[in-house]
Amino acid sequence: MSATQKVQQHPAFIQAQDKANYYVNQLDKELSKYPILNSFEQRTQVPKSYAFIGAVVLLAILHSINAFASPVSNLVGWALPAFLSVKALESPGHADDVQWLTYWIVFGFFNFLESFALRIVLYYFPWYFAFKSLFILWLQLPQFRGAQMLYGTVVRPVELMFSNEGPRDCSWASTCAVWGPLSSMLSLYNLLAGLHDHPSLLHRLSLTTLGEFIRTTTSLKTSIVHEQPPSFDPEHVPAALPRRIALYIASRLELDEAEVDALWEGFGVAIWKGDSDLPREDAAAMRERFNAYKLSEHMLYPPVRICDRPYCTRPQLLRRRDDPAQVVLFTMDEGAKDGHVFHLYCYGCQTTYYPDYCVHRDTRIYYADPPPPFVQVSDSRYIENKVLQHFLKLMLLSWTSATNAAHIYHESLSCLPDDCRSLPRYRLRPEHVWDGFVINALLKDAQRRGHPLVVPHTGEQKDRFTDAMRARNDHIRRAGQPHHLL
């Protein structure tokens, strides 16, 4: 055996090789998110992870050579931002304009500094170009968007110091364009009109805060009406919020009272005239729309987008293998509702992904981190984890049977219209409750023991979890009953 073979078979070498392969695979998963890199790999047959590592090493070597450090650093700072700036000019929104205009301000400052003080900078900062390249990568890469962050923390405050005008935020229009369709009570025109008269709010107002303000004031309409004078007409918009309610909203959203008043002045009309409740789409209309577009209001997908199985040698974006299945989702907050379940498939390792587990070679592996929000208890029924917890408490605290637990849900929590209450597909049976109870217990046990729940995918549902329950019971006999049952 040669010395090279001895080194290759040494445990330390094998362990290092395994770690290297693991990190390369993780890098490949991250790079797979970018279509341009996937296209490069297909055209050149060079793995994108190797190409990326090679490019990083080449840039590091060139940065260590004085003659190449400056042009390579400027190339890094110019090539990708120039391409993305052109794309930003062609896009209808303005959010990306803030990112790239700020980037070019900072990049221009570097070039201005280098034009007259490069010798001084290099004398006190020998690795200036290497750190400059890292900094401008932080500014430009979409994972960090450092330029946009720098705009709000440095560029904007400096501009306000030398300007008498109120703050202007060119990104807000595109933000409203994205958020507007999600609101059932405000149109895009109303959003823009409301913000037009109060530009100073844009400096600290976030989309989340605005959404919370709209939801909160909408829920308080009745309280607002009853604090008005006796002659008040509820059809008219109050000129201002009652002080008690304004203080409550300011405290909840961490705003000043003046800011709450300005928000009401800007959005009060649209909020008062709007309707906060989305109508429930009937099942026939939903099926018709789904057949036309393969989209519905309630869709369950697997939580994984790229195959993450350790045995997969070619992790890739998962694909739909068959048509989505129509199911009933039993939820705690919205009752029983129609939905659709999508199954995804990895052609590299032939693993099928479901919303709560994946299947490989007739073995079902439940997701452990995070645990699935819905659990499948039959071919067409999925129960939300909150509902399973509710059933568990009923059984343990009030000795409720599975039959009565299913009946209580149907009568009190299903939120079904009258024409659907008698349909069998919207009812839970005792075996569904018991299956959910067992799966929930096994998932908790697997999570405590630090490994996923693995059961056969074939066979009858009643026999599928027998071995797993027997293993759990054996573990409890040896280690004791967990302290927290609920």
Protein backbone atom coordinates (compact mmCIF):
# COMPACT_ATOMS: atom_id res chain seq x y z
CA MET A 1 0.00 0.00 0.00
CA SER A 2 1.46 3.36 -1.06
CA ALA A 3 1.80 6.36 1.22
CA THR A 4 -0.96 8.16 -0.69
CA GLN A 5 -3.39 5.29 -0.13
CA LYS A 6 -2.51 5.17 3.56
CA VAL A 7 -3.28 8.88 3.88
CA GLN A 8 -6.56 8.48 1.99
CA GLN A 9 -7.65 5.64 4.28
CA HIS A 10 -6.69 7.43 7.48
CA PRO A 11 -9.79 8.21 9.64
CA ALA A 12 -8.84 11.87 9.97
CA PHE A 13 -8.57 12.23 6.19
CA ILE A 14 -11.91 10.46 5.65
CA GLN A 15 -13.60 12.65 8.27
CA ALA A 16 -12.19 15.82 6.70
CA GLN A 17 -13.29 14.63 3.26
CA ASP A 18 -16.83 13.96 4.52
CA LYS A 19 -17.02 17.41 6.10
CA ALA A 20 -15.75 19.02 2.90
CA ASN A 21 -18.35 17.16 0.83
CA TYR A 22 -21.06 18.21 3.28
CA TYR A 23 -20.16 21.90 3.03
CA VAL A 24 -19.85 21.70 -0.76
CA ASN A 25 -23.35 20.16 -0.93
CA GLN A 26 -24.73 22.89 1.33
CA LEU A 27 -23.11 25.52 -0.89
CA ASP A 28 -24.58 23.84 -3.96
CA LYS A 29 -28.06 24.01 -2.38
CA GLU A 30 -27.66 27.74 -1.77
CA LEU A 31 -26.35 28.39 -5.27
CA SER A 32 -29.24 26.41 -6.77
CA LYS A 33 -31.53 29.31 -5.83
CA TYR A 34 -30.04 31.38 -8.68
CA PRO A 35 -31.21 30.39 -12.20
CA ILE A 36 -28.17 31.96 -13.89
CA LEU A 37 -25.84 29.60 -12.00
CA ASN A 38 -28.00 26.58 -12.82
CA SER A 39 -27.88 27.60 -16.48
CA PHE A 40 -24.08 27.97 -16.26
CA GLU A 41 -23.77 24.47 -14.82
CA GLN A 42 -25.94 22.96 -17.57
CA ARG A 43 -24.03 24.66 -20.37
CA THR A 44 -20.50 24.06 -19.10
CA GLN A 45 -21.03 20.77 -17.19
CA VAL A 46 -18.95 22.33 -14.41
CA PRO A 47 -20.58 22.03 -10.95
CA LYS A 48 -21.61 25.50 -9.85
CA SER A 49 -20.19 24.98 -6.36
CA TYR A 50 -16.73 24.23 -7.80
CA ALA A 51 -16.96 27.20 -10.16
CA PHE A 52 -17.91 29.46 -7.26
CA ILE A 53 -15.08 28.20 -5.04
CA GLY A 54 -12.63 28.59 -7.93
CA ALA A 55 -13.78 32.17 -8.56
CA VAL A 56 -13.39 33.06 -4.88
CA VAL A 57 -9.89 31.56 -4.76
CA LEU A 58 -8.91 33.37 -7.98
CA LEU A 59 -10.16 36.70 -6.62
CA ALA A 60 -8.26 36.14 -3.38
CA ILE A 61 -5.04 35.45 -5.29
CA LEU A 62 -5.48 38.50 -7.54
CA HIS A 63 -6.15 40.70 -4.50
CA SER A 64 -2.80 39.62 -3.05
CA ILE A 65 -0.97 40.91 -6.15
CA ASN A 66 -0.55 44.69 -6.00
CA ALA A 67 -0.81 45.19 -9.75
CA PHE A 68 -4.21 43.45 -9.96
CA ALA A 69 -5.78 44.41 -6.62
CA SER A 70 -7.22 47.76 -7.71
CA PRO A 71 -8.70 46.75 -11.12
CA VAL A 72 -10.11 43.47 -9.73
CA SER A 73 -11.72 45.30 -6.81
CA ASN A 74 -13.26 47.84 -9.20
CA LEU A 75 -14.46 45.01 -11.45
CA VAL A 76 -16.18 43.35 -8.48
CA GLY A 77 -17.78 46.68 -7.63
CA TRP A 78 -18.91 47.45 -11.18
CA ALA A 79 -19.92 44.31 -13.12
CA LEU A 80 -22.89 42.86 -11.19
CA PRO A 81 -24.21 46.24 -9.93
CA ALA A 82 -24.16 47.61 -13.49
CA PHE A 83 -26.25 44.69 -14.75
CA LEU A 84 -28.72 44.90 -11.82
CA SER A 85 -28.96 48.69 -12.17
CA VAL A 86 -30.08 48.29 -15.78
CA LYS A 87 -32.68 45.76 -14.62
CA ALA A 88 -33.80 48.23 -11.94
CA LEU A 89 -34.30 50.96 -14.56
CA GLU A 90 -36.53 48.62 -16.54
CA SER A 91 -38.58 47.47 -13.54
CA PRO A 92 -41.87 49.29 -12.78
CA GLY A 93 -41.18 49.69 -9.04
CA HIS A 94 -38.77 51.97 -7.20
CA ALA A 95 -37.54 49.85 -4.28
CA ASP A 96 -34.54 48.57 -6.26
CA ASP A 97 -33.75 52.17 -7.32
CA VAL A 98 -33.03 53.06 -3.69
CA GLN A 99 -30.67 50.07 -3.39
CA TRP A 100 -28.62 50.85 -6.48
CA LEU A 101 -28.60 54.66 -6.32
CA THR A 102 -27.26 54.37 -2.77
CA TYR A 103 -24.74 51.77 -3.91
CA TRP A 104 -23.33 54.03 -6.62
CA ILE A 105 -23.07 56.91 -4.10
CA VAL A 106 -20.92 54.74 -1.81
CA PHE A 107 -18.92 53.22 -4.67
CA GLY A 108 -18.26 56.69 -6.08
CA PHE A 109 -17.05 57.84 -2.67
CA PHE A 110 -14.46 55.04 -2.66
CA ASN A 111 -13.21 56.07 -6.10
CA PHE A 112 -13.10 59.74 -5.04
CA LEU A 113 -11.05 58.80 -1.98
CA GLU A 114 -8.66 56.70 -4.05
CA SER A 115 -8.17 59.48 -6.62
CA PHE A 116 -6.13 61.68 -4.29
CA ALA A 117 -5.34 59.72 -1.11
CA LEU A 118 -4.59 56.17 -2.30
CA ARG A 119 -0.97 56.23 -1.14
CA ILE A 120 -1.97 57.40 2.34
CA VAL A 121 -4.77 54.80 2.55
CA LEU A 122 -2.51 51.94 1.47
CA TYR A 123 0.21 53.04 3.90
CA TYR A 124 -2.09 52.80 6.91
CA PHE A 125 -4.35 50.06 5.50
CA PRO A 126 -2.30 47.53 3.47
CA TRP A 127 -5.21 45.17 2.67
CA TYR A 128 -7.48 48.05 1.67
CA PHE A 129 -8.63 46.58 -1.67
CA ALA A 130 -9.49 43.19 -0.16
CA PHE A 131 -11.62 44.78 2.58
CA LYS A 132 -13.11 47.18 0.04
CA SER A 133 -14.22 44.23 -2.12
CA LEU A 134 -15.81 42.51 0.89
CA PHE A 135 -17.59 45.72 1.85
CA ILE A 136 -19.00 46.38 -1.62
CA LEU A 137 -20.13 42.75 -1.84
CA TRP A 138 -22.04 43.35 1.40
CA LEU A 139 -23.54 46.46 -0.21
CA GLN A 140 -24.67 44.75 -3.40
CA LEU A 141 -25.61 41.12 -2.62
CA PRO A 142 -29.39 40.54 -2.27
CA GLN A 143 -28.91 38.49 0.94
CA PHE A 144 -27.60 41.60 2.72
CA ARG A 145 -28.75 44.63 0.66
CA GLY A 146 -26.28 46.69 2.62
CA ALA A 147 -26.72 49.73 0.36
CA GLN A 148 -30.39 50.00 1.28
CA MET A 149 -29.51 49.66 4.96
CA LEU A 150 -26.79 52.30 4.60
CA TYR A 151 -29.28 54.61 2.93
CA GLY A 152 -31.58 54.61 5.96
CA THR A 153 -28.85 54.81 8.60
CA VAL A 154 -26.26 57.15 7.04
CA VAL A 155 -27.16 58.71 3.69
CA ARG A 156 -30.71 59.73 4.59
CA PRO A 157 -29.88 61.41 7.95
CA VAL A 158 -26.99 63.32 6.32
CA GLU A 159 -29.25 64.49 3.50
CA LEU A 160 -31.87 65.68 6.01
CA MET A 161 -29.25 67.73 7.87
CA PHE A 162 -28.66 69.87 4.78
CA SER A 163 -32.19 69.91 3.40
CA ASN A 164 -35.22 71.91 4.46
CA GLU A 165 -37.61 69.49 2.79
CA GLY A 166 -39.34 66.62 4.50
CA PRO A 167 -38.09 63.13 3.88
CA ARG A 168 -38.90 61.49 0.59
CA ASP A 169 -39.00 57.76 0.21
CA CYS A 170 -39.14 56.65 -3.39
CA SER A 171 -39.49 53.03 -2.36
CA TRP A 172 -42.90 53.48 -0.75
CA ALA A 173 -44.88 53.47 -3.97
CA SER A 174 -43.66 50.02 -4.93
CA THR A 175 -44.16 48.78 -1.37
CA CYS A 176 -47.78 49.88 -1.48
CA ALA A 177 -48.17 48.28 -4.91
CA VAL A 178 -47.07 44.97 -3.42
CA TRP A 179 -49.13 45.27 -0.23
CA GLY A 180 -52.23 46.92 -1.66
CA PRO A 181 -53.77 43.83 -3.28
CA LEU A 182 -53.47 41.98 0.03
CA SER A 183 -55.81 44.38 1.78
CA SER A 184 -59.54 43.91 1.52
CA MET A 185 -60.26 47.46 2.61
CA LEU A 186 -57.78 49.74 0.83
CA SER A 187 -56.99 50.29 -2.81
CA LEU A 188 -53.56 51.33 -4.01
CA TYR A 189 -54.93 54.78 -4.85
CA ASN A 190 -56.16 55.27 -1.27
CA LEU A 191 -52.79 54.23 0.13
CA LEU A 192 -50.88 56.69 -2.03
CA ALA A 193 -53.38 59.48 -1.42
CA GLY A 194 -53.19 58.92 2.34
CA LEU A 195 -49.41 59.12 2.36
CA HIS A 196 -49.19 62.14 0.08
CA ASP A 197 -50.06 64.68 2.78
CA HIS A 198 -47.83 63.13 5.48
CA PRO A 199 -44.39 62.43 3.99
CA SER A 200 -42.66 62.77 7.36
CA LEU A 201 -44.24 59.51 8.52
CA LEU A 202 -42.30 57.58 5.90
CA HIS A 203 -39.05 57.98 7.80
CA ARG A 204 -40.08 55.45 10.47
CA LEU A 205 -43.34 53.90 9.29
CA SER A 206 -43.00 50.24 8.31
CA LEU A 207 -45.40 48.14 6.27
CA THR A 208 -46.09 45.97 9.33
CA THR A 209 -46.99 49.01 11.45
CA LEU A 210 -49.31 50.35 8.77
CA GLY A 211 -51.05 46.98 8.46
CA GLU A 212 -51.47 46.74 12.24
CA PHE A 213 -52.87 50.28 12.37
CA ILE A 214 -55.47 49.43 9.72
CA ARG A 215 -56.46 46.16 11.40
CA THR A 216 -56.62 47.73 14.87
CA THR A 217 -58.71 50.75 13.89
CA THR A 218 -61.02 48.54 11.86
CA SER A 219 -61.65 46.29 14.86
CA LEU A 220 -62.31 49.37 17.03
CA LYS A 221 -64.96 50.96 14.78
CA THR A 222 -67.77 50.30 17.25
CA SER A 223 -65.77 51.78 20.13
CA ILE A 224 -64.95 54.85 18.03
CA VAL A 225 -68.64 55.36 17.19
CA HIS A 226 -69.78 55.12 20.83
CA GLU A 227 -67.31 57.77 21.96
CA GLN A 228 -68.68 60.38 19.54
CA PRO A 229 -71.24 63.09 20.46
CA PRO A 230 -74.94 62.05 20.47
CA SER A 231 -75.57 63.85 17.18
CA PHE A 232 -72.82 61.90 15.37
CA ASP A 233 -73.82 60.09 12.16
CA PRO A 234 -72.01 56.68 11.95
CA GLU A 235 -72.00 56.95 8.15
CA HIS A 236 -69.62 59.91 8.39
CA VAL A 237 -65.91 59.52 9.12
CA PRO A 238 -64.87 60.96 12.51
CA ALA A 239 -62.54 63.92 12.08
CA ALA A 240 -60.18 62.51 14.72
CA LEU A 241 -59.84 59.42 16.87
CA PRO A 242 -61.06 59.71 20.48
CA ARG A 243 -58.08 60.45 22.71
CA ARG A 244 -58.40 57.22 24.72
CA ILE A 245 -58.38 55.12 21.54
CA ALA A 246 -55.54 57.14 20.00
CA LEU A 247 -53.43 56.59 23.13
CA TYR A 248 -54.23 52.88 23.09
CA ILE A 249 -53.16 52.55 19.44
CA ALA A 250 -50.02 54.62 20.06
CA SER A 251 -49.08 52.38 22.98
CA ARG A 252 -49.75 49.18 21.05
CA LEU A 253 -47.86 50.20 17.89
CA GLU A 254 -45.12 52.19 19.70
CA LEU A 255 -46.00 55.43 17.90
CA ASP A 256 -46.46 59.01 19.04
CA GLU A 257 -50.01 60.28 19.48
CA ALA A 258 -49.34 62.85 16.74
CA GLU A 259 -48.32 60.06 14.38
CA VAL A 260 -51.52 58.15 15.13
CA ASP A 261 -53.54 61.30 14.40
CA ALA A 262 -51.66 61.77 11.11
CA LEU A 263 -52.30 58.16 10.13
CA TRP A 264 -56.00 58.54 10.85
CA GLU A 265 -56.10 61.76 8.83
CA GLY A 266 -54.46 59.98 5.92
CA PHE A 267 -56.30 56.65 6.02
CA GLY A 268 -59.45 57.30 8.07
CA VAL A 269 -61.78 57.60 5.08
CA ALA A 270 -60.58 54.39 3.44
CA ILE A 271 -60.68 52.47 6.74
CA TRP A 272 -64.14 53.72 7.70
CA LYS A 273 -65.65 52.90 4.32
CA GLY A 274 -63.85 49.58 3.95
CA ASP A 275 -64.81 46.06 4.93
CA SER A 276 -62.32 43.99 6.89
CA ASP A 277 -64.01 40.62 6.36
CA LEU A 278 -63.14 38.48 3.34
CA PRO A 279 -66.16 36.52 2.12
CA ARG A 280 -65.85 32.75 2.33
CA GLU A 281 -65.71 31.28 -1.16
CA ASP A 282 -68.21 28.48 -1.62
CA ALA A 283 -66.90 25.01 -2.42
CA ALA A 284 -68.37 24.87 -5.96
CA ALA A 285 -66.80 28.19 -6.97
CA MET A 286 -63.49 27.18 -5.45
CA ARG A 287 -63.45 23.89 -7.36
CA GLU A 288 -64.31 25.65 -10.61
CA ARG A 289 -61.55 28.21 -10.12
CA PHE A 290 -59.08 25.53 -9.09
CA ASN A 291 -59.81 23.43 -12.17
CA ALA A 292 -59.12 26.48 -14.33
CA TYR A 293 -55.94 27.77 -12.63
CA LYS A 294 -54.74 24.98 -10.29
CA LEU A 295 -54.69 27.55 -7.48
CA SER A 296 -56.92 27.99 -4.47
CA GLU A 297 -57.06 29.98 -1.26
CA HIS A 298 -55.86 27.07 0.91
CA MET A 299 -52.97 25.00 -0.44
CA LEU A 300 -50.61 22.73 1.48
CA TYR A 301 -47.09 22.28 0.15
CA PRO A 302 -44.17 20.34 1.62
CA PRO A 303 -41.93 22.65 3.70
CA VAL A 304 -38.91 21.73 1.54
CA ARG A 305 -38.10 23.36 -1.80
CA ILE A 306 -34.76 21.64 -2.56
CA CYS A 307 -34.18 17.99 -1.65
CA ASP A 308 -32.52 17.85 1.78
CA ARG A 309 -32.17 14.09 2.23
CA PRO A 310 -28.64 13.11 3.31
CA TYR A 311 -28.66 10.16 0.92
CA CYS A 312 -29.44 12.35 -2.12
CA THR A 313 -26.39 12.65 -4.38
CA ARG A 314 -27.94 15.29 -6.65
CA PRO A 315 -29.94 17.75 -4.53
CA GLN A 316 -32.16 19.79 -6.81
CA LEU A 317 -35.34 21.80 -6.92
CA LEU A 318 -38.34 19.57 -6.22
CA ARG A 319 -40.93 19.14 -8.96
CA ARG A 320 -44.64 18.37 -9.02
CA ARG A 321 -45.20 14.78 -10.07
CA ASP A 322 -48.98 14.57 -10.11
CA ASP A 323 -52.04 16.78 -9.87
CA PRO A 324 -52.87 18.22 -6.44
CA ALA A 325 -55.40 16.34 -4.35
CA GLN A 326 -58.54 17.96 -2.95
CA VAL A 327 -58.75 17.57 0.83
CA VAL A 328 -60.50 19.03 3.87
CA LEU A 329 -58.38 20.98 6.35
CA PHE A 330 -59.62 20.89 9.94
CA THR A 331 -58.30 24.08 11.56
CA MET A 332 -58.79 25.70 14.94
CA ASP A 333 -59.33 29.32 13.87
CA GLU A 334 -61.13 28.92 10.54
CA GLY A 335 -62.95 25.62 11.02
CA ALA A 336 -63.21 22.91 8.37
CA LYS A 337 -62.38 24.23 4.92
CA ASP A 338 -61.64 22.87 1.48
CA GLY A 339 -58.03 22.84 0.39
CA HIS A 340 -55.56 21.21 -1.94
CA VAL A 341 -52.42 19.23 -1.20
CA PHE A 342 -49.37 19.23 -3.46
CA HIS A 343 -46.84 16.40 -3.64
CA LEU A 344 -43.28 17.16 -4.81
CA TYR A 345 -40.69 14.74 -6.14
CA CYS A 346 -36.90 14.57 -6.27
CA TYR A 347 -35.74 12.82 -9.42
CA GLY A 348 -32.22 12.55 -7.99
CA CYS A 349 -33.02 10.21 -5.07
CA GLN A 350 -36.64 9.32 -5.97
CA THR A 351 -38.09 10.76 -2.76
CA THR A 352 -41.69 11.98 -2.69
CA TYR A 353 -42.41 14.92 -0.39
CA TYR A 354 -45.81 15.38 1.29
CA PRO A 355 -46.89 18.27 3.56
CA ASP A 356 -46.08 16.35 6.77
CA TYR A 357 -43.63 13.64 5.71
CA CYS A 358 -41.51 12.33 2.84
CA VAL A 359 -41.40 8.80 1.39
CA HIS A 360 -38.32 6.93 0.17
CA ARG A 361 -38.38 3.25 -0.75
CA ASP A 362 -41.71 2.57 1.01
CA THR A 363 -40.48 4.27 4.21
CA ARG A 364 -42.32 7.30 5.60
CA ILE A 365 -40.16 9.90 7.39
CA TYR A 366 -42.01 12.66 9.26
CA TYR A 367 -40.51 16.14 9.39
CA ALA A 368 -39.05 16.91 12.81
CA ASP A 369 -37.73 20.48 12.70
CA PRO A 370 -40.07 22.25 12.57
CA PRO A 371 -42.91 19.77 13.23
CA PRO A 372 -45.61 19.75 10.54
CA PRO A 373 -48.47 22.23 11.14
CA PHE A 374 -50.97 19.73 9.66
CA VAL A 375 -51.09 15.95 10.09
CA GLN A 376 -52.72 13.63 7.58
CA VAL A 377 -55.21 11.26 9.23
CA SER A 378 -56.82 9.89 6.06
CA ASP A 379 -56.44 10.25 2.31
CA SER A 380 -58.55 13.42 2.22
CA ARG A 381 -58.34 14.81 5.77
CA TYR A 382 -55.61 16.91 7.39
CA ILE A 383 -55.91 18.07 11.02
CA GLU A 384 -54.09 21.18 12.24
CA ASN A 385 -51.67 20.71 15.13
CA LYS A 386 -53.69 23.16 17.26
CA VAL A 387 -56.77 20.97 16.87
CA LEU A 388 -54.79 17.87 17.87
CA GLN A 389 -53.60 19.69 21.00
CA HIS A 390 -57.23 20.55 21.74
CA PHE A 391 -58.24 16.89 21.41
CA LEU A 392 -55.33 15.88 23.68
CA LYS A 393 -56.46 18.27 26.41
CA LEU A 394 -60.07 17.08 26.13
CA MET A 395 -58.97 13.48 26.52
CA LEU A 396 -56.53 14.03 29.39
CA LEU A 397 -58.36 16.68 31.39
CA SER A 398 -62.04 15.81 30.94
CA TRP A 399 -61.84 12.16 29.83
CA THR A 400 -63.57 12.98 26.57
CA SER A 401 -63.85 10.07 24.14
CA ALA A 402 -62.61 10.31 20.56
CA THR A 403 -66.23 10.13 19.35
CA ASN A 404 -67.27 13.06 21.52
CA ALA A 405 -64.12 15.05 20.64
CA ALA A 406 -64.96 14.72 16.94
CA HIS A 407 -68.59 15.68 17.65
CA ILE A 408 -67.56 18.73 19.71
CA TYR A 409 -65.34 19.95 16.88
CA HIS A 410 -68.11 19.51 14.31
CA GLU A 411 -70.71 21.35 16.38
CA SER A 412 -68.56 24.10 17.90
CA LEU A 413 -65.45 24.70 15.80
CA SER A 414 -66.12 23.58 12.22
CA CYS A 415 -67.67 26.96 11.16
CA LEU A 416 -69.49 25.19 8.33
CA PRO A 417 -72.44 26.74 6.49
CA ASP A 418 -75.73 24.91 6.85
CA ASP A 419 -75.58 23.28 3.43
CA CYS A 420 -72.23 21.62 4.27
CA ARG A 421 -72.81 20.43 7.82
CA SER A 422 -74.43 17.16 6.78
CA LEU A 423 -71.79 16.22 4.18
CA PRO A 424 -69.67 13.23 5.33
CA ARG A 425 -66.43 14.68 3.94
CA TYR A 426 -66.56 17.54 6.47
CA ARG A 427 -66.90 15.24 9.49
CA LEU A 428 -64.15 13.71 11.59
CA ARG A 429 -64.61 10.12 12.70
CA PRO A 430 -63.26 8.62 15.97
CA GLU A 431 -60.47 6.79 14.12
CA HIS A 432 -59.27 10.13 12.70
CA VAL A 433 -59.04 11.57 16.21
CA TRP A 434 -57.16 8.50 17.45
CA ASP A 435 -54.76 8.53 14.50
CA GLY A 436 -54.05 12.19 15.11
CA PHE A 437 -53.57 11.50 18.83
CA VAL A 438 -51.09 8.70 18.13
CA ILE A 439 -49.13 10.59 15.46
CA ASN A 440 -48.92 13.67 17.67
CA ALA A 441 -47.60 11.59 20.60
CA LEU A 442 -45.04 9.86 18.41
CA LEU A 443 -43.86 13.14 16.89
CA LYS A 444 -43.34 14.63 20.35
CA ASP A 445 -41.48 11.53 21.50
CA ALA A 446 -39.24 11.58 18.42
CA GLN A 447 -38.52 15.27 18.94
CA ARG A 448 -37.53 14.68 22.59
CA ARG A 449 -35.26 11.81 21.58
CA GLY A 450 -33.67 13.84 18.77
CA HIS A 451 -34.56 11.73 15.73
CA PRO A 452 -37.35 11.79 13.12
CA LEU A 453 -40.39 9.54 13.26
CA VAL A 454 -39.92 6.71 10.71
CA VAL A 455 -42.75 4.27 9.89
CA PRO A 456 -43.70 2.04 6.94
CA HIS A 457 -45.54 3.78 4.12
CA THR A 458 -47.25 0.61 2.94
CA GLY A 459 -49.89 -1.44 4.72
CA GLU A 460 -53.00 -0.51 6.67
CA GLN A 461 -53.22 2.76 8.60
CA LYS A 462 -54.15 0.89 11.79
CA ASP A 463 -50.93 -1.18 11.64
CA ARG A 464 -48.55 1.54 10.43
CA PHE A 465 -47.63 2.97 13.85
CA THR A 466 -47.64 -0.25 15.89
CA ASP A 467 -43.85 -0.74 15.94
CA ALA A 468 -43.23 2.95 16.63
CA MET A 469 -45.66 2.89 19.58
CA ARG A 470 -44.05 -0.27 20.93
CA ALA A 471 -40.60 1.38 20.74
CA ARG A 472 -41.96 4.49 22.48
CA ASN A 473 -43.48 2.43 25.28
CA ASP A 474 -40.25 0.49 25.76
CA HIS A 475 -38.35 3.75 25.99
CA ILE A 476 -40.79 5.07 28.61
CA ARG A 477 -40.39 1.89 30.67
CA ARG A 478 -36.63 2.42 30.72
CA ALA A 479 -36.45 6.24 31.00
CA GLY A 480 -39.74 7.06 32.73
CA GLN A 481 -42.84 9.01 31.74
CA PRO A 482 -42.20 12.59 30.45
CA HIS A 483 -43.12 15.28 32.96
CA HIS A 484 -45.18 17.35 30.54
CA LEU A 485 -48.00 15.47 28.86
CA LEU A 486 -49.63 18.48 27.16
